[in-house]
Amino acid sequence: MARKCFFTGKGPMVGNNVSHANNKTRKRSLPNLRTVRIKLEDGRTMKVRIAASTLRTMKKHS
């Protein structure tokens, strides 16, 4: 399973760690994913991985 949000498509970001001596090493920032059960319109439940920021937004609008 990919490290990607089911709704927003947020995935890993890449960048550099930059030291005081200006040495650069690659780093990867992973999204804060949570596995939640959502209820579909036909009554079934489905497990999806959602970013925590998306989950907060969904709770705010429900």
N, C-alpha and C. Protein backbone atom coordinates (compact mmCIF):
# COMPACT_ATOMS: atom_id res chain seq x y z
N MET A 1 0.84 -1.18 0.00
CA MET A 1 0.00 0.00 0.00
C MET A 1 0.89 1.25 0.00
N ALA A 2 0.58 2.18 -0.88
CA ALA A 2 1.39 3.37 -1.02
C ALA A 2 1.20 4.32 0.16
N ARG A 3 2.20 5.12 0.43
CA ARG A 3 2.09 6.13 1.48
C ARG A 3 1.45 7.38 0.87
N LYS A 4 0.14 7.28 0.64
CA LYS A 4 -0.58 8.35 -0.02
C LYS A 4 -1.98 8.45 0.58
N CYS A 5 -2.44 9.69 0.77
CA CYS A 5 -3.77 9.93 1.30
C CYS A 5 -4.81 9.53 0.26
N PHE A 6 -5.85 8.83 0.71
CA PHE A 6 -6.90 8.34 -0.18
C PHE A 6 -7.67 9.48 -0.84
N PHE A 7 -7.96 10.55 -0.09
CA PHE A 7 -8.78 11.65 -0.60
C PHE A 7 -7.95 12.74 -1.27
N THR A 8 -6.89 13.20 -0.63
CA THR A 8 -6.16 14.36 -1.15
C THR A 8 -4.98 13.99 -2.02
N GLY A 9 -4.50 12.75 -1.91
CA GLY A 9 -3.34 12.35 -2.70
C GLY A 9 -2.01 12.84 -2.15
N LYS A 10 -2.02 13.34 -0.90
CA LYS A 10 -0.77 13.79 -0.29
C LYS A 10 0.18 12.61 -0.16
N GLY A 11 1.43 12.82 -0.55
CA GLY A 11 2.43 11.76 -0.49
C GLY A 11 3.72 12.27 0.10
N PRO A 12 4.78 11.47 0.03
CA PRO A 12 6.07 11.89 0.56
C PRO A 12 6.64 13.09 -0.18
N MET A 13 7.31 13.97 0.57
CA MET A 13 8.01 15.09 -0.03
C MET A 13 9.50 14.87 0.14
N VAL A 14 10.30 15.38 -0.77
CA VAL A 14 11.74 15.24 -0.67
C VAL A 14 12.37 16.62 -0.56
N GLY A 15 13.52 16.66 0.11
CA GLY A 15 14.23 17.91 0.30
C GLY A 15 15.63 17.64 0.79
N ASN A 16 16.27 18.66 1.30
CA ASN A 16 17.64 18.55 1.78
C ASN A 16 17.73 18.91 3.25
N ASN A 17 18.55 18.15 4.01
CA ASN A 17 19.02 18.60 5.30
C ASN A 17 20.26 19.43 5.01
N VAL A 18 20.31 20.66 5.50
CA VAL A 18 21.46 21.53 5.24
C VAL A 18 22.14 21.81 6.57
N SER A 19 23.41 21.41 6.68
CA SER A 19 24.16 21.59 7.92
C SER A 19 24.74 23.00 7.98
N HIS A 20 25.33 23.32 9.12
CA HIS A 20 25.97 24.62 9.30
C HIS A 20 27.12 24.80 8.32
N ALA A 21 27.78 23.70 7.96
CA ALA A 21 28.88 23.74 6.99
C ALA A 21 28.36 23.69 5.54
N ASN A 22 27.04 23.80 5.39
CA ASN A 22 26.37 23.79 4.09
C ASN A 22 26.49 22.46 3.35
N ASN A 23 26.66 21.35 4.12
CA ASN A 23 26.60 20.02 3.53
C ASN A 23 25.14 19.66 3.34
N LYS A 24 24.83 19.08 2.21
CA LYS A 24 23.43 18.74 1.92
C LYS A 24 23.26 17.23 1.81
N THR A 25 22.29 16.70 2.55
CA THR A 25 21.94 15.28 2.43
C THR A 25 20.44 15.21 2.18
N ARG A 26 20.02 14.23 1.40
CA ARG A 26 18.61 14.11 1.03
C ARG A 26 17.79 13.61 2.22
N LYS A 27 16.58 14.13 2.33
CA LYS A 27 15.66 13.65 3.36
C LYS A 27 14.28 13.48 2.74
N ARG A 28 13.44 12.69 3.40
CA ARG A 28 12.10 12.39 2.93
C ARG A 28 11.12 12.69 4.06
N SER A 29 10.14 13.51 3.80
CA SER A 29 9.10 13.80 4.80
C SER A 29 7.85 13.02 4.42
N LEU A 30 7.42 12.13 5.31
CA LEU A 30 6.26 11.30 5.04
C LEU A 30 5.00 11.96 5.59
N PRO A 31 3.86 11.80 4.93
CA PRO A 31 2.62 12.36 5.44
C PRO A 31 2.16 11.61 6.70
N ASN A 32 1.42 12.31 7.55
CA ASN A 32 0.91 11.73 8.79
C ASN A 32 -0.38 10.98 8.48
N LEU A 33 -0.25 9.70 8.10
CA LEU A 33 -1.41 8.92 7.68
C LEU A 33 -2.03 8.15 8.82
N ARG A 34 -3.35 8.08 8.82
CA ARG A 34 -4.12 7.32 9.80
C ARG A 34 -5.05 6.39 9.05
N THR A 35 -5.22 5.17 9.54
CA THR A 35 -6.15 4.23 8.94
C THR A 35 -7.49 4.39 9.65
N VAL A 36 -8.53 4.70 8.88
CA VAL A 36 -9.86 4.91 9.44
C VAL A 36 -10.88 4.10 8.65
N ARG A 37 -11.99 3.77 9.30
CA ARG A 37 -13.09 3.10 8.62
C ARG A 37 -14.11 4.15 8.23
N ILE A 38 -14.51 4.15 6.96
CA ILE A 38 -15.56 5.05 6.53
C ILE A 38 -16.75 4.22 6.08
N LYS A 39 -17.93 4.77 6.27
CA LYS A 39 -19.15 4.07 5.89
C LYS A 39 -19.59 4.57 4.52
N LEU A 40 -19.78 3.65 3.60
CA LEU A 40 -20.21 4.00 2.25
C LEU A 40 -21.73 4.17 2.21
N GLU A 41 -22.21 4.75 1.12
CA GLU A 41 -23.65 5.02 0.99
C GLU A 41 -24.49 3.75 0.98
N ASP A 42 -23.91 2.65 0.47
CA ASP A 42 -24.68 1.40 0.41
C ASP A 42 -24.62 0.60 1.71
N GLY A 43 -24.03 1.18 2.77
CA GLY A 43 -24.03 0.53 4.07
C GLY A 43 -22.75 -0.22 4.40
N ARG A 44 -21.90 -0.47 3.39
CA ARG A 44 -20.65 -1.18 3.65
C ARG A 44 -19.63 -0.24 4.30
N THR A 45 -18.64 -0.84 4.98
CA THR A 45 -17.55 -0.05 5.54
C THR A 45 -16.28 -0.37 4.77
N MET A 46 -15.38 0.60 4.75
CA MET A 46 -14.14 0.46 4.00
C MET A 46 -13.01 1.09 4.80
N LYS A 47 -11.87 0.41 4.86
CA LYS A 47 -10.71 0.97 5.54
C LYS A 47 -9.89 1.78 4.55
N VAL A 48 -9.57 3.02 4.89
CA VAL A 48 -8.76 3.87 4.03
C VAL A 48 -7.70 4.57 4.87
N ARG A 49 -6.63 4.96 4.20
CA ARG A 49 -5.57 5.72 4.86
C ARG A 49 -5.74 7.18 4.50
N ILE A 50 -5.92 8.01 5.54
CA ILE A 50 -6.19 9.43 5.36
C ILE A 50 -5.15 10.23 6.13
N ALA A 51 -4.71 11.34 5.55
CA ALA A 51 -3.80 12.25 6.25
C ALA A 51 -4.53 12.84 7.45
N ALA A 52 -3.82 13.07 8.53
CA ALA A 52 -4.42 13.59 9.76
C ALA A 52 -5.05 14.96 9.52
N SER A 53 -4.45 15.78 8.66
CA SER A 53 -5.02 17.09 8.36
C SER A 53 -6.36 16.95 7.64
N THR A 54 -6.47 15.96 6.75
CA THR A 54 -7.73 15.71 6.05
C THR A 54 -8.79 15.21 7.02
N LEU A 55 -8.38 14.37 7.96
CA LEU A 55 -9.30 13.84 8.96
C LEU A 55 -9.87 14.97 9.81
N ARG A 56 -9.05 15.93 10.21
CA ARG A 56 -9.51 17.08 10.99
C ARG A 56 -10.52 17.89 10.17
N THR A 57 -10.24 18.09 8.90
CA THR A 57 -11.15 18.85 8.03
C THR A 57 -12.48 18.14 7.90
N MET A 58 -12.43 16.80 7.74
CA MET A 58 -13.66 16.04 7.60
C MET A 58 -14.51 16.11 8.87
N LYS A 59 -13.87 16.07 10.04
CA LYS A 59 -14.61 16.15 11.30
C LYS A 59 -15.22 17.54 11.48
N LYS A 60 -14.52 18.56 10.99
CA LYS A 60 -15.00 19.93 11.13
C LYS A 60 -16.25 20.15 10.29
N HIS A 61 -16.32 19.52 9.11
CA HIS A 61 -17.42 19.73 8.19
C HIS A 61 -18.57 18.73 8.33
N SER A 62 -18.45 17.81 9.29
CA SER A 62 -19.54 16.84 9.42
C SER A 62 -20.44 17.17 10.60
